[in-house]
Amino acid sequence: MERFIIADSCCDLTKDLKSRFNAITVPLSITMGDKMFVDDDKLNMKVFMKAMKNHKGKIFSACPSPSAYRDAFLEAKDGFAVTLSKHLSGSFESALQGKKLAEEKGAQIHVFDSKSASAGEVLVALKIRRLIEQGRTREYIIEKIEDFVKKMKTYFILENFDNLIRNGRLHRITGKIISILNIYPIMGSDGDGNIALFANARGKRQAIVKLMDLIRKSGRPTEGQEIVIAHCNNVGLAEHVRKIIIDTFHFAEIVIVPTRGISSMYANEGGIILAF
């Protein structure tokens, strides 16, 4: 029986990657005032980004329901699910409830908390697919992926902090100081899925230099490994970072993906996220 990967829509899978990974996506939803957007393949990103730019209030997101996960798990029958960090969303807990419902009807699913988002989820999905293709046992895959998630590094650089401020992820005064002083904070996962600050840089060029330094000092192997770069309408910067990575490290594969709705909500226009 073919094994599927099931992921919430913060996993920024393109149509090609969904086909390559044999993946099913379960969408989150995003509400701005009286407008509600479903983060699925039908989401018009231009319309969504314009609405987000014009919206001045708080933006709300909702994780998939347990029944939505149950339906996806029953469609897959056998597979592995990847969700947003449980510290950022209720998606993981909802997936666990959906797993219980689906397994009562014969499905066999393991749910991974990515302890990350966006590029991090894509990377976890990629690692799972590689192990499936190698014919590894279910137990082996679970053990290896749980270990990888503990060690994975996720970093991001944003051009705009409005949504992090609105949703309580960044103090309003801190955000204003960052904007006024042209400071680029390099943030990422603290290893358990919470957002942490790793470095501050003056200007984008210095931010990229410090980002490469974080990769170098991370303690993570790079040779023969994969790295994922997600970007929110900033393919130029993503390609620039890709070139520097090629010149500096020896990753076997560099995957660049555009952010979907929920990732774009937090990354905002111009943001990039790296996971390795």
Protein backbone atom coordinates (compact mmCIF):
# COMPACT_ATOMS: atom_id res chain seq x y z
CA MET A 1 0.00 0.00 0.00
CA GLU A 2 1.28 3.45 -0.94
CA ARG A 3 2.11 5.70 1.99
CA PHE A 4 0.95 9.30 1.89
CA ILE A 5 2.20 12.46 3.53
CA ILE A 6 -0.54 14.61 5.02
CA ALA A 7 0.32 18.19 5.98
CA ASP A 8 -1.47 21.30 7.12
CA SER A 9 -1.33 24.21 4.68
CA CYS A 10 1.51 25.96 6.49
CA CYS A 11 3.63 23.31 4.77
CA ASP A 12 4.39 25.35 1.63
CA LEU A 13 4.16 22.58 -0.93
CA THR A 14 3.92 23.53 -4.59
CA LYS A 15 1.80 21.39 -6.92
CA ASP A 16 4.97 19.68 -8.17
CA LEU A 17 6.13 18.89 -4.63
CA LYS A 18 2.69 17.59 -3.66
CA SER A 19 2.90 15.20 -6.58
CA ARG A 20 6.52 14.26 -5.82
CA PHE A 21 5.78 13.65 -2.13
CA ASN A 22 2.38 12.00 -2.72
CA ALA A 23 0.98 14.57 -0.31
CA ILE A 24 -2.47 15.64 0.83
CA THR A 25 -2.88 19.15 2.26
CA VAL A 26 -5.40 20.03 4.98
CA PRO A 27 -6.09 23.80 4.90
CA LEU A 28 -6.10 26.31 7.70
CA SER A 29 -8.31 29.39 7.36
CA ILE A 30 -7.56 33.08 7.81
CA THR A 31 -10.03 35.79 8.84
CA MET A 32 -9.61 39.54 8.33
CA GLY A 33 -12.64 41.45 9.52
CA ASP A 34 -15.61 40.06 7.59
CA LYS A 35 -13.42 38.27 5.03
CA MET A 36 -12.45 34.63 5.43
CA PHE A 37 -9.85 32.89 3.27
CA VAL A 38 -9.35 29.13 3.04
CA ASP A 39 -5.67 28.31 2.58
CA ASP A 40 -6.13 25.70 -0.14
CA ASP A 41 -5.09 25.37 -3.79
CA LYS A 42 -7.90 27.73 -4.84
CA LEU A 43 -6.59 30.65 -2.75
CA ASN A 44 -5.81 33.64 -4.97
CA MET A 45 -2.58 34.88 -3.42
CA LYS A 46 -2.69 38.29 -5.14
CA VAL A 47 -6.16 38.96 -3.74
CA PHE A 48 -5.13 37.62 -0.34
CA MET A 49 -1.95 39.72 -0.14
CA LYS A 50 -3.84 42.86 -1.20
CA ALA A 51 -6.51 42.26 1.44
CA MET A 52 -3.83 41.71 4.08
CA LYS A 53 -2.03 44.91 3.10
CA ASN A 54 -5.24 46.94 3.36
CA HIS A 55 -6.44 45.36 6.61
CA LYS A 56 -5.49 47.38 9.70
CA GLY A 57 -6.87 45.14 12.43
CA LYS A 58 -5.85 41.83 13.88
CA ILE A 59 -5.71 38.83 11.57
CA PHE A 60 -7.00 35.51 12.89
CA SER A 61 -6.10 32.02 11.76
CA ALA A 62 -7.91 28.77 12.51
CA CYS A 63 -6.40 25.30 12.35
CA PRO A 64 -8.08 22.42 10.50
CA SER A 65 -10.80 20.65 12.45
CA PRO A 66 -10.32 17.08 13.71
CA SER A 67 -12.94 15.98 11.17
CA ALA A 68 -10.98 17.58 8.33
CA TYR A 69 -7.91 15.66 9.44
CA ARG A 70 -9.97 12.48 9.87
CA ASP A 71 -11.19 12.73 6.28
CA ALA A 72 -7.66 13.30 4.94
CA PHE A 73 -6.32 10.39 7.00
CA LEU A 74 -9.07 8.08 5.77
CA GLU A 75 -8.27 9.11 2.19
CA ALA A 76 -4.60 8.30 2.78
CA LYS A 77 -5.28 5.13 4.82
CA ASP A 78 -1.56 4.83 5.57
CA GLY A 79 0.92 7.63 6.06
CA PHE A 80 2.58 10.35 8.08
CA ALA A 81 1.23 13.77 9.00
CA VAL A 82 3.28 16.95 9.45
CA THR A 83 1.87 19.95 11.32
CA LEU A 84 2.79 23.42 12.49
CA SER A 85 4.55 23.70 15.83
CA LYS A 86 2.08 23.02 18.63
CA HIS A 87 3.32 26.26 20.25
CA LEU A 88 2.13 28.30 17.24
CA SER A 89 -1.15 26.58 16.37
CA GLY A 90 -3.70 24.02 17.48
CA SER A 91 -3.07 22.06 14.27
CA PHE A 92 -1.01 19.34 15.96
CA GLU A 93 -3.63 18.63 18.65
CA SER A 94 -6.39 18.67 16.05
CA ALA A 95 -4.43 16.18 13.94
CA LEU A 96 -4.04 13.88 16.95
CA GLN A 97 -7.81 13.93 17.45
CA GLY A 98 -8.34 13.29 13.75
CA LYS A 99 -5.87 10.40 13.90
CA LYS A 100 -7.86 8.74 16.68
CA LEU A 101 -11.08 9.06 14.69
CA ALA A 102 -9.47 7.74 11.50
CA GLU A 103 -7.73 4.83 13.18
CA GLU A 104 -11.08 3.66 14.56
CA LYS A 105 -11.94 3.06 10.89
CA GLY A 106 -8.71 1.31 9.99
CA ALA A 107 -6.32 4.12 8.97
CA GLN A 108 -2.72 3.98 10.14
CA ILE A 109 -1.25 7.46 10.69
CA HIS A 110 1.62 8.94 12.68
CA VAL A 111 1.53 12.68 13.42
CA PHE A 112 4.75 14.70 13.62
CA ASP A 113 4.91 18.08 15.34
CA SER A 114 7.42 19.82 13.05
CA LYS A 115 8.39 22.24 15.86
CA SER A 116 8.59 24.66 12.95
CA ALA A 117 6.49 26.03 10.10
CA SER A 118 6.65 26.78 6.38
CA ALA A 119 10.09 25.71 5.09
CA GLY A 120 10.57 23.50 8.14
CA GLU A 121 7.44 21.51 7.37
CA VAL A 122 8.47 21.14 3.72
CA LEU A 123 11.86 19.80 4.82
CA VAL A 124 10.30 17.28 7.21
CA ALA A 125 7.97 16.11 4.42
CA LEU A 126 10.97 15.75 2.08
CA LYS A 127 12.85 13.66 4.66
CA ILE A 128 9.82 11.41 5.18
CA ARG A 129 9.42 10.85 1.45
CA ARG A 130 13.10 9.90 1.07
CA LEU A 131 12.76 7.26 3.79
CA ILE A 132 9.55 5.91 2.26
CA GLU A 133 11.29 5.60 -1.11
CA GLN A 134 14.13 3.70 0.58
CA GLY A 135 11.58 1.14 1.77
CA ARG A 136 12.18 1.84 5.46
CA THR A 137 9.83 0.42 8.06
CA ARG A 138 7.22 2.57 9.76
CA GLU A 139 9.06 2.34 13.08
CA TYR A 140 12.37 3.33 11.49
CA ILE A 141 10.80 6.37 9.80
CA ILE A 142 9.17 7.54 13.02
CA GLU A 143 12.40 7.21 14.98
CA LYS A 144 14.54 8.97 12.35
CA ILE A 145 12.11 11.83 11.72
CA GLU A 146 11.46 12.50 15.43
CA ASP A 147 15.24 12.70 15.90
CA PHE A 148 15.65 14.97 12.86
CA VAL A 149 12.92 17.35 14.06
CA LYS A 150 14.74 17.80 17.38
CA LYS A 151 17.89 18.89 15.53
CA MET A 152 16.43 20.83 12.58
CA LYS A 153 17.16 24.55 12.38
CA THR A 154 14.67 27.14 11.13
CA TYR A 155 15.56 30.82 10.65
CA PHE A 156 13.68 33.71 9.08
CA ILE A 157 14.22 37.32 8.06
CA LEU A 158 11.24 39.64 7.57
CA GLU A 159 10.77 42.90 5.69
CA ASN A 160 7.53 43.69 7.51
CA PHE A 161 6.62 42.93 11.14
CA ASP A 162 3.05 44.25 11.19
CA ASN A 163 1.33 40.87 11.49
CA LEU A 164 3.76 39.57 14.11
CA ILE A 165 2.99 42.69 16.15
CA ARG A 166 -0.79 42.50 15.61
CA ASN A 167 -0.89 38.86 16.65
CA GLY A 168 1.26 39.33 19.74
CA ARG A 169 4.39 37.60 18.41
CA LEU A 170 6.47 40.80 18.65
CA HIS A 171 6.10 43.77 21.02
CA ARG A 172 4.73 46.86 19.27
CA ILE A 173 7.48 49.17 20.57
CA THR A 174 10.17 46.68 19.53
CA GLY A 175 8.65 46.57 16.06
CA LYS A 176 8.71 50.35 15.72
CA ILE A 177 12.34 50.54 16.84
CA ILE A 178 13.27 47.85 14.32
CA SER A 179 11.59 49.78 11.49
CA ILE A 180 13.09 53.17 12.42
CA LEU A 181 16.65 51.90 12.84
CA ASN A 182 16.59 49.63 9.74
CA ILE A 183 17.33 46.64 11.96
CA TYR A 184 16.79 43.16 10.54
CA PRO A 185 16.31 40.67 13.37
CA ILE A 186 17.08 37.08 12.46
CA MET A 187 14.52 34.91 14.22
CA GLY A 188 13.62 31.25 14.16
CA SER A 189 12.61 28.20 16.14
CA ASP A 190 14.16 27.79 19.59
CA GLY A 191 14.28 24.04 18.97
CA ASP A 192 10.88 23.40 20.57
CA GLY A 193 8.77 25.38 18.11
CA ASN A 194 8.69 28.75 19.87
CA ILE A 195 9.87 31.90 18.07
CA ALA A 196 13.26 33.14 19.31
CA LEU A 197 15.65 35.95 18.36
CA PHE A 198 19.10 34.81 17.19
CA ALA A 199 20.78 37.96 15.87
CA ASN A 200 20.24 41.58 14.86
CA ALA A 201 21.68 43.14 11.71
CA ARG A 202 21.83 46.65 10.27
CA GLY A 203 20.46 46.33 6.78
CA LYS A 204 19.64 43.37 4.56
CA ARG A 205 23.21 42.69 3.42
CA GLN A 206 24.48 42.25 6.97
CA ALA A 207 21.42 40.14 7.78
CA ILE A 208 22.33 37.66 5.03
CA VAL A 209 25.95 37.53 6.28
CA LYS A 210 24.75 36.78 9.81
CA LEU A 211 22.28 34.20 8.51
CA MET A 212 25.11 32.34 6.78
CA ASP A 213 27.11 32.56 10.00
CA LEU A 214 24.23 30.97 11.90
CA ILE A 215 24.15 28.10 9.41
CA ARG A 216 27.91 27.67 9.76
CA LYS A 217 27.80 27.64 13.57
CA SER A 218 24.59 25.61 13.91
CA GLY A 219 26.36 22.31 14.37
CA ARG A 220 24.10 20.78 11.72
CA PRO A 221 25.67 18.81 8.87
CA THR A 222 25.31 20.47 5.48
CA GLU A 223 27.22 18.25 3.06
CA GLY A 224 24.87 15.92 1.26
CA GLN A 225 21.83 17.37 3.08
CA GLU A 226 18.80 19.38 1.94
CA ILE A 227 17.85 22.97 2.73
CA VAL A 228 14.50 24.62 2.01
CA ILE A 229 14.02 28.35 1.35
CA ALA A 230 10.46 29.72 1.46
CA HIS A 231 9.77 33.28 0.36
CA CYS A 232 6.80 35.63 0.31
CA ASN A 233 6.89 37.35 -3.10
CA ASN A 234 10.66 37.68 -2.90
CA VAL A 235 12.09 35.15 -5.35
CA GLY A 236 15.00 37.53 -6.06
CA LEU A 237 16.23 37.39 -2.46
CA ALA A 238 15.58 33.64 -2.28
CA GLU A 239 17.72 33.08 -5.38
CA HIS A 240 20.42 35.41 -4.00
CA VAL A 241 20.53 33.43 -0.76
CA ARG A 242 20.58 30.20 -2.77
CA LYS A 243 23.66 31.35 -4.70
CA ILE A 244 25.49 32.30 -1.51
CA ILE A 245 24.61 28.92 0.02
CA ILE A 246 25.96 27.11 -3.07
CA ASP A 247 29.20 29.13 -2.86
CA THR A 248 29.57 28.58 0.89
CA PHE A 249 28.25 25.12 1.74
CA HIS A 250 27.77 21.70 0.14
CA PHE A 251 24.06 20.96 0.39
CA ALA A 252 22.91 18.22 -1.98
CA GLU A 253 19.59 19.92 -2.72
CA ILE A 254 18.25 23.46 -2.28
CA VAL A 255 14.48 23.72 -2.60
CA ILE A 256 12.84 27.13 -3.10
CA VAL A 257 9.09 27.47 -2.55
CA PRO A 258 6.67 30.41 -2.40
CA THR A 259 4.72 30.77 0.83
CA ARG A 260 1.06 29.84 0.88
CA GLY A 261 -1.57 31.83 2.74
CA ILE A 262 -0.87 31.02 6.40
CA SER A 263 2.92 31.34 6.00
CA SER A 264 2.46 34.62 4.10
CA MET A 265 0.30 35.90 6.95
CA TYR A 266 3.34 35.84 9.25
CA ALA A 267 6.23 36.21 6.79
CA ASN A 268 4.44 39.10 5.10
CA GLU A 269 5.64 40.72 1.88
CA GLY A 270 9.34 40.07 1.30
CA GLY A 271 10.00 37.61 4.12
CA ILE A 272 12.15 34.50 3.72
CA ILE A 273 12.36 31.35 5.86
CA LEU A 274 15.17 28.75 5.82
CA ALA A 275 15.16 25.24 7.25
CA PHE A 276 17.94 22.64 7.21
